[in-house]
Amino acid sequence: RMEAKTKIIFVDENGDKFFGEGPYQLLLGVERTGSLRCAAMEMGMAYSKAWTILKNAEEQLGFKLLLSTTGGKHGGGAQLTERGEALLAAYARYCQTLREFAQRQFAADFADFL
């Protein structure tokens, strides 16, 4: 059986990737755990790499994705900014719409091969 997969990434003017499924999942993890460190660990990613990925995305997008607090008596943590939450929702909608379209188009164009 043949399938088509759609990969959706955002790139800068040089064609360098700065947002896609990985950063999206990382941010969902932060939303769920309240911690960038925990979200990175769940993905098997070093905290420093996760931090670099999100800082690069923030630089390219022009707004902060996370609000972070440092450790202390009650520990540190992170949460998404309002714009970060809005970006996640928009990315999810966009991906769903494109994947649905891509599936329909794939079925139409490759019907003789399926």
N, C-alpha and C. Protein backbone atom coordinates (compact mmCIF):
# COMPACT_ATOMS: atom_id res chain seq x y z
N ARG A 1 0.85 -1.19 0.00
CA ARG A 1 0.00 0.00 0.00
C ARG A 1 0.88 1.23 0.00
N MET A 2 0.51 2.19 -0.81
CA MET A 2 1.27 3.43 -0.95
C MET A 2 0.53 4.55 -0.24
N GLU A 3 1.30 5.36 0.47
CA GLU A 3 0.76 6.53 1.16
C GLU A 3 1.64 7.73 0.85
N ALA A 4 1.06 8.90 1.02
CA ALA A 4 1.83 10.14 0.91
C ALA A 4 1.86 10.80 2.29
N LYS A 5 2.98 11.35 2.65
CA LYS A 5 3.12 12.07 3.92
C LYS A 5 3.42 13.53 3.60
N THR A 6 2.83 14.40 4.38
CA THR A 6 3.03 15.84 4.21
C THR A 6 3.80 16.36 5.41
N LYS A 7 4.91 17.02 5.13
CA LYS A 7 5.73 17.61 6.19
C LYS A 7 5.64 19.12 6.04
N ILE A 8 5.24 19.78 7.13
CA ILE A 8 5.02 21.22 7.06
C ILE A 8 6.05 21.92 7.95
N ILE A 9 6.87 22.72 7.32
CA ILE A 9 7.90 23.46 8.05
C ILE A 9 7.85 24.92 7.64
N PHE A 10 8.28 25.77 8.55
CA PHE A 10 8.42 27.19 8.25
C PHE A 10 9.90 27.47 8.10
N VAL A 11 10.25 28.23 7.07
CA VAL A 11 11.65 28.56 6.81
C VAL A 11 11.81 30.07 6.75
N ASP A 12 13.05 30.52 6.99
CA ASP A 12 13.34 31.95 6.88
C ASP A 12 13.70 32.30 5.45
N GLU A 13 14.10 33.54 5.22
CA GLU A 13 14.40 34.01 3.87
C GLU A 13 15.57 33.27 3.23
N ASN A 14 16.38 32.59 4.03
CA ASN A 14 17.51 31.81 3.50
C ASN A 14 17.15 30.35 3.29
N GLY A 15 15.92 30.00 3.59
CA GLY A 15 15.48 28.62 3.44
C GLY A 15 15.81 27.75 4.64
N ASP A 16 16.26 28.36 5.74
CA ASP A 16 16.61 27.61 6.94
C ASP A 16 15.35 27.36 7.78
N LYS A 17 15.14 26.12 8.16
CA LYS A 17 13.98 25.73 8.96
C LYS A 17 14.06 26.37 10.34
N PHE A 18 12.90 26.89 10.81
CA PHE A 18 12.87 27.40 12.17
C PHE A 18 11.63 26.96 12.95
N PHE A 19 10.65 26.36 12.28
CA PHE A 19 9.49 25.84 13.01
C PHE A 19 8.87 24.72 12.21
N GLY A 20 8.46 23.68 12.93
CA GLY A 20 7.81 22.53 12.31
C GLY A 20 7.29 21.61 13.39
N GLU A 21 7.16 20.35 13.06
CA GLU A 21 6.57 19.38 13.99
C GLU A 21 7.37 19.24 15.28
N GLY A 22 8.70 19.28 15.20
CA GLY A 22 9.52 19.15 16.40
C GLY A 22 9.29 20.28 17.40
N PRO A 23 9.50 21.54 16.98
CA PRO A 23 9.22 22.64 17.89
C PRO A 23 7.76 22.67 18.36
N TYR A 24 6.85 22.29 17.49
CA TYR A 24 5.43 22.23 17.87
C TYR A 24 5.24 21.23 19.01
N GLN A 25 5.80 20.04 18.87
CA GLN A 25 5.67 19.02 19.92
C GLN A 25 6.36 19.46 21.20
N LEU A 26 7.49 20.13 21.06
CA LEU A 26 8.21 20.64 22.22
C LEU A 26 7.34 21.63 23.00
N LEU A 27 6.70 22.54 22.28
CA LEU A 27 5.83 23.52 22.93
C LEU A 27 4.59 22.86 23.55
N LEU A 28 4.05 21.85 22.90
CA LEU A 28 2.94 21.10 23.51
C LEU A 28 3.40 20.46 24.82
N GLY A 29 4.63 19.97 24.83
CA GLY A 29 5.18 19.37 26.04
C GLY A 29 5.33 20.39 27.14
N VAL A 30 5.76 21.60 26.80
CA VAL A 30 5.86 22.67 27.79
C VAL A 30 4.48 23.00 28.33
N GLU A 31 3.51 23.07 27.44
CA GLU A 31 2.14 23.37 27.86
C GLU A 31 1.63 22.31 28.84
N ARG A 32 1.97 21.05 28.55
CA ARG A 32 1.50 19.94 29.38
C ARG A 32 2.25 19.83 30.71
N THR A 33 3.58 20.04 30.68
CA THR A 33 4.39 19.81 31.88
C THR A 33 4.72 21.06 32.67
N GLY A 34 4.63 22.23 32.02
CA GLY A 34 5.01 23.47 32.69
C GLY A 34 6.51 23.65 32.79
N SER A 35 7.26 22.89 31.95
CA SER A 35 8.72 22.93 32.04
C SER A 35 9.35 22.62 30.69
N LEU A 36 10.26 23.47 30.25
CA LEU A 36 11.00 23.20 29.02
C LEU A 36 11.91 22.00 29.24
N ARG A 37 12.53 21.92 30.39
CA ARG A 37 13.44 20.81 30.69
C ARG A 37 12.69 19.47 30.61
N CYS A 38 11.51 19.40 31.22
CA CYS A 38 10.72 18.16 31.19
C CYS A 38 10.25 17.83 29.78
N ALA A 39 9.82 18.85 29.05
CA ALA A 39 9.36 18.63 27.68
C ALA A 39 10.50 18.10 26.81
N ALA A 40 11.69 18.68 26.97
CA ALA A 40 12.86 18.23 26.21
C ALA A 40 13.19 16.79 26.58
N MET A 41 13.17 16.49 27.87
CA MET A 41 13.50 15.14 28.34
C MET A 41 12.52 14.11 27.77
N GLU A 42 11.24 14.45 27.75
CA GLU A 42 10.24 13.55 27.17
C GLU A 42 10.54 13.23 25.71
N MET A 43 11.14 14.19 25.01
CA MET A 43 11.44 14.00 23.59
C MET A 43 12.83 13.41 23.38
N GLY A 44 13.56 13.16 24.47
CA GLY A 44 14.92 12.64 24.34
C GLY A 44 15.88 13.67 23.81
N MET A 45 15.63 14.92 24.14
CA MET A 45 16.41 16.05 23.63
C MET A 45 17.12 16.75 24.79
N ALA A 46 18.32 17.20 24.54
CA ALA A 46 19.04 17.97 25.56
C ALA A 46 18.32 19.30 25.78
N TYR A 47 18.30 19.74 27.02
CA TYR A 47 17.68 21.02 27.36
C TYR A 47 18.29 22.15 26.54
N SER A 48 19.61 22.14 26.40
CA SER A 48 20.29 23.21 25.65
C SER A 48 19.84 23.25 24.20
N LYS A 49 19.60 22.09 23.61
CA LYS A 49 19.12 22.05 22.22
C LYS A 49 17.70 22.59 22.14
N ALA A 50 16.85 22.19 23.10
CA ALA A 50 15.46 22.67 23.12
C ALA A 50 15.44 24.18 23.26
N TRP A 51 16.27 24.69 24.15
CA TRP A 51 16.34 26.13 24.38
C TRP A 51 16.78 26.85 23.10
N THR A 52 17.79 26.31 22.43
CA THR A 52 18.28 26.92 21.18
C THR A 52 17.21 26.91 20.10
N ILE A 53 16.50 25.79 19.97
CA ILE A 53 15.44 25.68 18.96
C ILE A 53 14.37 26.75 19.19
N LEU A 54 13.93 26.89 20.44
CA LEU A 54 12.87 27.85 20.73
C LEU A 54 13.35 29.29 20.61
N LYS A 55 14.58 29.57 21.02
CA LYS A 55 15.12 30.93 20.87
C LYS A 55 15.23 31.30 19.40
N ASN A 56 15.65 30.36 18.56
CA ASN A 56 15.73 30.62 17.12
C ASN A 56 14.34 30.88 16.54
N ALA A 57 13.36 30.08 16.95
CA ALA A 57 11.99 30.28 16.47
C ALA A 57 11.48 31.65 16.90
N GLU A 58 11.73 32.02 18.16
CA GLU A 58 11.29 33.33 18.64
C GLU A 58 11.93 34.46 17.84
N GLU A 59 13.20 34.30 17.54
CA GLU A 59 13.90 35.34 16.76
C GLU A 59 13.29 35.49 15.38
N GLN A 60 13.01 34.37 14.73
CA GLN A 60 12.43 34.43 13.38
C GLN A 60 10.99 34.92 13.39
N LEU A 61 10.23 34.53 14.39
CA LEU A 61 8.83 34.93 14.47
C LEU A 61 8.66 36.37 14.94
N GLY A 62 9.63 36.85 15.73
CA GLY A 62 9.55 38.22 16.21
C GLY A 62 8.74 38.38 17.49
N PHE A 63 8.50 37.28 18.20
CA PHE A 63 7.81 37.36 19.48
C PHE A 63 8.21 36.17 20.35
N LYS A 64 7.99 36.34 21.66
CA LYS A 64 8.33 35.28 22.63
C LYS A 64 7.27 34.19 22.60
N LEU A 65 7.74 32.96 22.70
CA LEU A 65 6.86 31.81 22.78
C LEU A 65 6.64 31.36 24.22
N LEU A 66 7.66 31.58 25.06
CA LEU A 66 7.61 31.11 26.44
C LEU A 66 7.85 32.23 27.44
N LEU A 67 7.22 32.09 28.57
CA LEU A 67 7.53 32.89 29.75
C LEU A 67 8.17 31.91 30.73
N SER A 68 9.40 32.20 31.13
CA SER A 68 10.13 31.29 32.01
C SER A 68 10.38 31.94 33.36
N THR A 69 10.37 31.10 34.38
CA THR A 69 10.77 31.54 35.71
C THR A 69 11.90 30.64 36.16
N THR A 70 12.88 31.23 36.82
CA THR A 70 14.02 30.45 37.29
C THR A 70 13.65 29.73 38.57
N GLY A 71 14.46 28.76 38.93
CA GLY A 71 14.22 27.97 40.13
C GLY A 71 14.23 28.81 41.39
N GLY A 72 14.09 28.18 42.50
CA GLY A 72 14.01 28.85 43.78
C GLY A 72 13.22 28.00 44.73
N LYS A 73 12.65 28.60 45.70
CA LYS A 73 11.90 27.87 46.71
C LYS A 73 10.81 26.98 46.11
N HIS A 74 10.12 27.53 45.12
CA HIS A 74 9.01 26.78 44.51
C HIS A 74 9.38 26.21 43.15
N GLY A 75 10.66 26.28 42.79
CA GLY A 75 11.10 25.75 41.51
C GLY A 75 10.79 26.68 40.37
N GLY A 76 11.39 26.41 39.25
CA GLY A 76 11.16 27.23 38.06
C GLY A 76 10.09 26.60 37.19
N GLY A 77 9.94 27.14 36.02
CA GLY A 77 8.97 26.58 35.10
C GLY A 77 8.85 27.44 33.86
N ALA A 78 7.99 27.03 32.99
CA ALA A 78 7.76 27.75 31.75
C ALA A 78 6.30 27.59 31.35
N GLN A 79 5.80 28.60 30.70
CA GLN A 79 4.45 28.52 30.14
C GLN A 79 4.45 29.27 28.83
N LEU A 80 3.52 28.91 27.98
CA LEU A 80 3.41 29.57 26.69
C LEU A 80 2.85 30.97 26.86
N THR A 81 3.34 31.89 26.04
CA THR A 81 2.75 33.22 25.99
C THR A 81 1.42 33.11 25.24
N GLU A 82 0.64 34.16 25.28
CA GLU A 82 -0.61 34.16 24.51
C GLU A 82 -0.33 33.97 23.03
N ARG A 83 0.70 34.66 22.53
CA ARG A 83 1.07 34.51 21.12
C ARG A 83 1.56 33.10 20.83
N GLY A 84 2.27 32.51 21.79
CA GLY A 84 2.72 31.13 21.64
C GLY A 84 1.55 30.17 21.54
N GLU A 85 0.56 30.35 22.40
CA GLU A 85 -0.65 29.52 22.35
C GLU A 85 -1.37 29.71 21.02
N ALA A 86 -1.47 30.95 20.57
CA ALA A 86 -2.14 31.23 19.30
C ALA A 86 -1.40 30.60 18.14
N LEU A 87 -0.06 30.63 18.19
CA LEU A 87 0.74 30.01 17.13
C LEU A 87 0.49 28.51 17.09
N LEU A 88 0.47 27.85 18.25
CA LEU A 88 0.22 26.41 18.27
C LEU A 88 -1.14 26.08 17.68
N ALA A 89 -2.16 26.84 18.04
CA ALA A 89 -3.50 26.60 17.51
C ALA A 89 -3.54 26.82 16.00
N ALA A 90 -2.91 27.90 15.53
CA ALA A 90 -2.89 28.18 14.09
C ALA A 90 -2.12 27.11 13.32
N TYR A 91 -0.99 26.68 13.88
CA TYR A 91 -0.18 25.64 13.23
C TYR A 91 -0.98 24.34 13.13
N ALA A 92 -1.67 23.98 14.20
CA ALA A 92 -2.47 22.75 14.19
C ALA A 92 -3.58 22.82 13.14
N ARG A 93 -4.27 23.95 13.08
CA ARG A 93 -5.34 24.12 12.07
C ARG A 93 -4.77 24.05 10.66
N TYR A 94 -3.68 24.77 10.44
CA TYR A 94 -3.04 24.83 9.13
C TYR A 94 -2.60 23.43 8.68
N CYS A 95 -1.94 22.70 9.57
CA CYS A 95 -1.48 21.35 9.24
C CYS A 95 -2.66 20.43 8.92
N GLN A 96 -3.70 20.50 9.72
CA GLN A 96 -4.87 19.66 9.50
C GLN A 96 -5.51 19.95 8.14
N THR A 97 -5.66 21.24 7.83
CA THR A 97 -6.26 21.63 6.55
C THR A 97 -5.41 21.14 5.37
N LEU A 98 -4.10 21.36 5.46
CA LEU A 98 -3.22 20.94 4.36
C LEU A 98 -3.17 19.42 4.21
N ARG A 99 -3.16 18.72 5.33
CA ARG A 99 -3.11 17.24 5.25
C ARG A 99 -4.40 16.68 4.66
N GLU A 100 -5.53 17.26 5.02
CA GLU A 100 -6.80 16.80 4.44
C GLU A 100 -6.82 17.05 2.94
N PHE A 101 -6.39 18.23 2.53
CA PHE A 101 -6.32 18.54 1.10
C PHE A 101 -5.35 17.60 0.39
N ALA A 102 -4.18 17.40 0.98
CA ALA A 102 -3.16 16.55 0.37
C ALA A 102 -3.68 15.12 0.20
N GLN A 103 -4.41 14.60 1.20
CA GLN A 103 -4.96 13.25 1.10
C GLN A 103 -5.97 13.14 -0.03
N ARG A 104 -6.85 14.15 -0.11
CA ARG A 104 -7.85 14.13 -1.21
C ARG A 104 -7.15 14.19 -2.56
N GLN A 105 -6.17 15.06 -2.69
CA GLN A 105 -5.47 15.22 -3.96
C GLN A 105 -4.68 13.97 -4.31
N PHE A 106 -4.05 13.37 -3.32
CA PHE A 106 -3.31 12.13 -3.52
C PHE A 106 -4.24 11.03 -4.03
N ALA A 107 -5.39 10.89 -3.37
CA ALA A 107 -6.35 9.87 -3.78
C ALA A 107 -6.83 10.10 -5.22
N ALA A 108 -7.05 11.36 -5.58
CA ALA A 108 -7.50 11.67 -6.93
C ALA A 108 -6.41 11.44 -7.96
N ASP A 109 -5.22 11.91 -7.70
CA ASP A 109 -4.14 11.85 -8.69
C ASP A 109 -3.51 10.45 -8.82
N PHE A 110 -3.57 9.66 -7.77
CA PHE A 110 -2.91 8.35 -7.79
C PHE A 110 -3.88 7.20 -7.67
N ALA A 111 -5.15 7.46 -7.98
CA ALA A 111 -6.19 6.42 -7.85
C ALA A 111 -5.82 5.15 -8.63
N ASP A 112 -5.22 5.31 -9.80
CA ASP A 112 -4.87 4.15 -10.64
C ASP A 112 -3.73 3.35 -10.05
N PHE A 113 -3.04 3.89 -9.05
CA PHE A 113 -1.86 3.21 -8.50
C PHE A 113 -2.12 2.65 -7.11
N LEU A 114 -3.28 2.96 -6.55
CA LEU A 114 -3.57 2.54 -5.18
C LEU A 114 -4.29 1.20 -5.14
